[in-house]
């Protein structure tokens, strides 16, 4: 009957889940910013502090550096605040998703 099927499938599901690996997925966000290229060390240091990773970087003819990075969503505010402090507020954030 129905009860037997529930017990049989429940037992099988328990065995599979018992041996399944646990994977923790944390939401990530992308941030794009532009700043004078002289701050390249500060940018990478700040990215490292929040466990971020650079997706793309481009140097402009005007001496600017545009970087797109990704980090855990709960670290974006910390990253932006740290970089604003480190650059005396001259960093420009273009995109946050």
N, C-alpha and C. Protein backbone atom coordinates (compact mmCIF):
# COMPACT_ATOMS: atom_id res chain seq x y z
N UNK A 1 0.80 -1.19 0.00
CA UNK A 1 0.00 0.00 0.00
C UNK A 1 0.85 1.25 0.00
N UNK A 2 0.18 2.33 0.17
CA UNK A 2 0.82 3.64 0.15
C UNK A 2 1.84 3.78 1.27
N UNK A 3 1.52 3.33 2.46
CA UNK A 3 2.44 3.42 3.60
C UNK A 3 3.73 2.67 3.34
N UNK A 4 3.64 1.50 2.73
CA UNK A 4 4.83 0.73 2.42
C UNK A 4 5.73 1.43 1.41
N UNK A 5 5.10 2.04 0.41
CA UNK A 5 5.89 2.77 -0.59
C UNK A 5 6.61 3.96 0.04
N UNK A 6 5.90 4.67 0.92
CA UNK A 6 6.51 5.81 1.59
C UNK A 6 7.72 5.36 2.42
N UNK A 7 7.57 4.27 3.16
CA UNK A 7 8.68 3.75 3.97
C UNK A 7 9.84 3.30 3.08
N UNK A 8 9.54 2.63 1.99
CA UNK A 8 10.59 2.13 1.10
C UNK A 8 11.35 3.29 0.45
N UNK A 9 10.63 4.24 -0.11
CA UNK A 9 11.29 5.38 -0.75
C UNK A 9 11.98 6.27 0.28
N UNK A 10 11.39 6.42 1.44
CA UNK A 10 12.00 7.23 2.49
C UNK A 10 13.33 6.64 2.93
N UNK A 11 13.37 5.31 3.08
CA UNK A 11 14.61 4.64 3.47
C UNK A 11 15.68 4.79 2.41
N UNK A 12 15.30 4.64 1.15
CA UNK A 12 16.26 4.79 0.05
C UNK A 12 16.79 6.22 0.00
N UNK A 13 15.91 7.19 0.16
CA UNK A 13 16.32 8.60 0.14
C UNK A 13 17.28 8.89 1.29
N UNK A 14 17.01 8.34 2.48
CA UNK A 14 17.89 8.53 3.64
C UNK A 14 19.29 8.00 3.35
N UNK A 15 19.38 6.82 2.74
CA UNK A 15 20.69 6.23 2.44
C UNK A 15 21.47 7.08 1.44
N UNK A 16 20.79 7.58 0.42
CA UNK A 16 21.45 8.42 -0.57
C UNK A 16 21.94 9.72 0.07
N UNK A 17 21.09 10.36 0.84
CA UNK A 17 21.45 11.63 1.46
C UNK A 17 22.56 11.47 2.50
N UNK A 18 22.58 10.33 3.16
CA UNK A 18 23.61 10.08 4.17
C UNK A 18 25.00 10.10 3.56
N UNK A 19 25.15 9.59 2.35
CA UNK A 19 26.46 9.50 1.69
C UNK A 19 26.73 10.64 0.72
N UNK A 20 25.77 11.53 0.53
CA UNK A 20 25.95 12.64 -0.42
C UNK A 20 26.86 13.70 0.16
N UNK A 21 27.71 14.29 -0.68
CA UNK A 21 28.56 15.39 -0.18
C UNK A 21 27.71 16.62 0.10
N UNK A 22 28.18 17.39 1.06
CA UNK A 22 27.50 18.64 1.41
C UNK A 22 28.21 19.77 0.68
N UNK A 23 27.46 20.53 -0.08
CA UNK A 23 28.02 21.67 -0.80
C UNK A 23 27.29 22.92 -0.33
N UNK A 24 28.05 23.87 0.16
CA UNK A 24 27.47 25.12 0.63
C UNK A 24 27.63 26.16 -0.47
N UNK A 25 26.53 26.70 -0.91
CA UNK A 25 26.54 27.73 -1.96
C UNK A 25 26.16 29.06 -1.34
N UNK A 26 27.04 30.03 -1.47
CA UNK A 26 26.78 31.36 -0.94
C UNK A 26 26.52 32.30 -2.11
N UNK A 27 25.54 33.19 -1.97
CA UNK A 27 25.27 34.13 -3.06
C UNK A 27 26.45 35.06 -3.30
N UNK A 28 26.73 35.32 -4.58
CA UNK A 28 27.83 36.19 -4.97
C UNK A 28 27.30 37.36 -5.78
N UNK A 29 28.03 38.45 -5.72
CA UNK A 29 27.68 39.65 -6.47
C UNK A 29 28.89 40.11 -7.27
N UNK A 30 28.61 40.84 -8.35
CA UNK A 30 29.66 41.44 -9.16
C UNK A 30 29.66 42.94 -8.92
N UNK A 31 30.84 43.52 -8.92
CA UNK A 31 31.01 44.96 -8.74
C UNK A 31 31.99 45.43 -9.81
N UNK A 32 31.65 46.55 -10.46
CA UNK A 32 32.56 47.18 -11.43
C UNK A 32 32.91 48.56 -10.91
N UNK A 33 34.21 48.88 -10.96
CA UNK A 33 34.67 50.16 -10.43
C UNK A 33 35.75 50.73 -11.33
N UNK A 34 35.94 52.04 -11.24
CA UNK A 34 37.03 52.72 -11.93
C UNK A 34 37.74 53.62 -10.94
N UNK A 35 39.07 53.62 -11.02
CA UNK A 35 39.90 54.42 -10.14
C UNK A 35 41.22 54.68 -10.86
N UNK A 36 41.98 55.63 -10.40
CA UNK A 36 43.31 55.89 -10.96
C UNK A 36 44.15 54.62 -10.81
N UNK A 37 44.87 54.27 -11.87
CA UNK A 37 45.65 53.03 -11.89
C UNK A 37 46.71 52.96 -10.79
N UNK A 38 47.07 54.09 -10.23
CA UNK A 38 48.07 54.08 -9.15
C UNK A 38 47.55 53.34 -7.91
N UNK A 39 46.25 53.12 -7.85
CA UNK A 39 45.65 52.41 -6.71
C UNK A 39 45.53 50.90 -6.95
N UNK A 40 46.18 50.38 -7.97
CA UNK A 40 46.05 48.97 -8.31
C UNK A 40 46.37 48.05 -7.12
N UNK A 41 47.39 48.36 -6.38
CA UNK A 41 47.75 47.53 -5.21
C UNK A 41 46.68 47.57 -4.14
N UNK A 42 46.13 48.75 -3.90
CA UNK A 42 45.06 48.91 -2.90
C UNK A 42 43.82 48.12 -3.33
N UNK A 43 43.51 48.17 -4.62
CA UNK A 43 42.34 47.45 -5.11
C UNK A 43 42.49 45.96 -4.88
N UNK A 44 43.63 45.40 -5.31
CA UNK A 44 43.83 43.97 -5.16
C UNK A 44 43.93 43.53 -3.70
N UNK A 45 44.52 44.37 -2.87
CA UNK A 45 44.58 44.08 -1.44
C UNK A 45 43.18 44.03 -0.84
N UNK A 46 42.34 44.99 -1.21
CA UNK A 46 40.97 45.04 -0.68
C UNK A 46 40.14 43.87 -1.21
N UNK A 47 40.33 43.51 -2.47
CA UNK A 47 39.63 42.35 -3.03
C UNK A 47 40.01 41.09 -2.25
N UNK A 48 41.30 40.95 -1.95
CA UNK A 48 41.76 39.79 -1.19
C UNK A 48 41.17 39.73 0.21
N UNK A 49 41.00 40.89 0.83
CA UNK A 49 40.46 40.93 2.20
C UNK A 49 39.01 40.44 2.28
N UNK A 50 38.27 40.56 1.18
CA UNK A 50 36.87 40.12 1.19
C UNK A 50 36.69 38.78 0.46
N UNK A 51 37.80 38.15 0.09
CA UNK A 51 37.71 36.85 -0.58
C UNK A 51 37.17 36.96 -2.00
N UNK A 52 37.40 38.09 -2.64
CA UNK A 52 36.90 38.32 -3.99
C UNK A 52 37.83 37.81 -5.06
N UNK A 53 37.35 37.86 -6.30
CA UNK A 53 38.14 37.43 -7.46
C UNK A 53 37.88 38.40 -8.60
N UNK A 54 38.95 38.76 -9.30
CA UNK A 54 38.82 39.65 -10.45
C UNK A 54 38.30 38.88 -11.65
N UNK A 55 37.28 39.43 -12.28
CA UNK A 55 36.73 38.84 -13.49
C UNK A 55 37.35 39.49 -14.72
N UNK A 56 37.54 40.81 -14.65
CA UNK A 56 38.08 41.55 -15.79
C UNK A 56 38.73 42.83 -15.30
N UNK A 57 39.78 43.27 -16.00
CA UNK A 57 40.40 44.55 -15.71
C UNK A 57 40.81 45.20 -17.02
N UNK A 58 40.75 46.52 -17.05
CA UNK A 58 41.14 47.26 -18.25
C UNK A 58 41.77 48.58 -17.84
N UNK A 59 42.91 48.88 -18.46
CA UNK A 59 43.59 50.14 -18.21
C UNK A 59 43.18 51.13 -19.29
N UNK A 60 42.82 52.34 -18.89
CA UNK A 60 42.42 53.38 -19.84
C UNK A 60 43.60 54.24 -20.24
N UNK A 61 43.47 54.89 -21.40
CA UNK A 61 44.52 55.78 -21.89
C UNK A 61 44.72 56.98 -20.96
N UNK A 62 43.70 57.28 -20.16
CA UNK A 62 43.78 58.41 -19.22
C UNK A 62 44.42 58.04 -17.89
N UNK A 63 44.94 56.79 -17.77
CA UNK A 63 45.59 56.37 -16.53
C UNK A 63 44.64 55.74 -15.53
N UNK A 64 43.42 55.47 -15.98
CA UNK A 64 42.43 54.86 -15.09
C UNK A 64 42.50 53.33 -15.17
N UNK A 65 41.94 52.71 -14.19
CA UNK A 65 41.83 51.26 -14.14
C UNK A 65 40.38 50.91 -13.83
N UNK A 66 39.79 50.09 -14.68
CA UNK A 66 38.43 49.61 -14.45
C UNK A 66 38.52 48.12 -14.14
N UNK A 67 37.92 47.72 -13.03
CA UNK A 67 37.97 46.33 -12.56
C UNK A 67 36.55 45.84 -12.31
N UNK A 68 36.28 44.63 -12.77
CA UNK A 68 35.05 43.94 -12.41
C UNK A 68 35.45 42.75 -11.57
N UNK A 69 34.82 42.62 -10.42
CA UNK A 69 35.15 41.54 -9.50
C UNK A 69 33.88 40.87 -9.01
N UNK A 70 34.06 39.74 -8.41
CA UNK A 70 32.95 39.04 -7.76
C UNK A 70 33.37 38.68 -6.34
N UNK A 71 32.41 38.76 -5.43
CA UNK A 71 32.66 38.36 -4.04
C UNK A 71 31.32 37.95 -3.43
N UNK A 72 31.38 37.37 -2.25
CA UNK A 72 30.14 37.00 -1.57
C UNK A 72 29.31 38.26 -1.37
N UNK A 73 28.03 38.14 -1.60
CA UNK A 73 27.12 39.28 -1.52
C UNK A 73 27.23 39.99 -0.18
N UNK A 74 27.39 39.24 0.89
CA UNK A 74 27.46 39.86 2.22
C UNK A 74 28.78 40.62 2.45
N UNK A 75 29.71 40.58 1.49
CA UNK A 75 30.99 41.29 1.62
C UNK A 75 31.06 42.55 0.75
N UNK A 76 30.05 42.79 -0.09
CA UNK A 76 30.10 43.91 -1.03
C UNK A 76 30.19 45.25 -0.30
N UNK A 77 29.36 45.47 0.69
CA UNK A 77 29.40 46.74 1.43
C UNK A 77 30.76 46.94 2.10
N UNK A 78 31.31 45.89 2.67
CA UNK A 78 32.63 45.96 3.31
C UNK A 78 33.69 46.32 2.27
N UNK A 79 33.62 45.70 1.10
CA UNK A 79 34.57 45.98 0.03
C UNK A 79 34.49 47.44 -0.41
N UNK A 80 33.27 47.89 -0.71
CA UNK A 80 33.09 49.27 -1.19
C UNK A 80 33.53 50.29 -0.14
N UNK A 81 33.18 50.06 1.10
CA UNK A 81 33.57 50.96 2.17
C UNK A 81 35.08 51.00 2.33
N UNK A 82 35.71 49.84 2.32
CA UNK A 82 37.17 49.76 2.46
C UNK A 82 37.90 50.46 1.33
N UNK A 83 37.37 50.30 0.11
CA UNK A 83 38.02 50.93 -1.03
C UNK A 83 37.79 52.44 -1.06
N UNK A 84 36.62 52.88 -0.63
CA UNK A 84 36.37 54.33 -0.53
C UNK A 84 37.34 54.96 0.47
N UNK A 85 37.52 54.29 1.62
CA UNK A 85 38.46 54.80 2.63
C UNK A 85 39.88 54.83 2.09
N UNK A 86 40.29 53.74 1.43
CA UNK A 86 41.67 53.61 0.95
C UNK A 86 42.01 54.58 -0.18
N UNK A 87 40.99 55.03 -0.94
CA UNK A 87 41.23 55.93 -2.06
C UNK A 87 40.75 57.36 -1.77
N UNK A 88 40.45 57.63 -0.52
CA UNK A 88 39.92 58.94 -0.12
C UNK A 88 38.66 59.32 -0.90
N UNK A 89 37.89 58.31 -1.25
CA UNK A 89 36.59 58.54 -1.89
C UNK A 89 36.62 58.78 -3.38
N UNK A 90 37.77 58.64 -4.05
CA UNK A 90 37.80 58.93 -5.49
C UNK A 90 37.40 57.75 -6.37
N UNK A 91 37.21 56.59 -5.77
CA UNK A 91 36.79 55.43 -6.55
C UNK A 91 35.36 55.65 -7.05
N UNK A 92 35.10 55.15 -8.24
CA UNK A 92 33.78 55.29 -8.84
C UNK A 92 33.20 53.89 -9.09
N UNK A 93 32.08 53.57 -8.48
CA UNK A 93 31.41 52.28 -8.67
C UNK A 93 30.35 52.43 -9.75
N UNK A 94 30.41 51.55 -10.76
CA UNK A 94 29.50 51.67 -11.91
C UNK A 94 28.35 50.68 -11.84
N UNK A 95 28.63 49.51 -11.42
CA UNK A 95 27.64 48.44 -11.53
C UNK A 95 27.75 47.51 -10.34
N UNK A 96 26.62 47.10 -9.84
CA UNK A 96 26.59 46.14 -8.74
C UNK A 96 25.43 45.21 -9.01
N UNK A 97 25.74 43.94 -9.16
CA UNK A 97 24.66 42.97 -9.42
C UNK A 97 24.86 41.71 -8.64
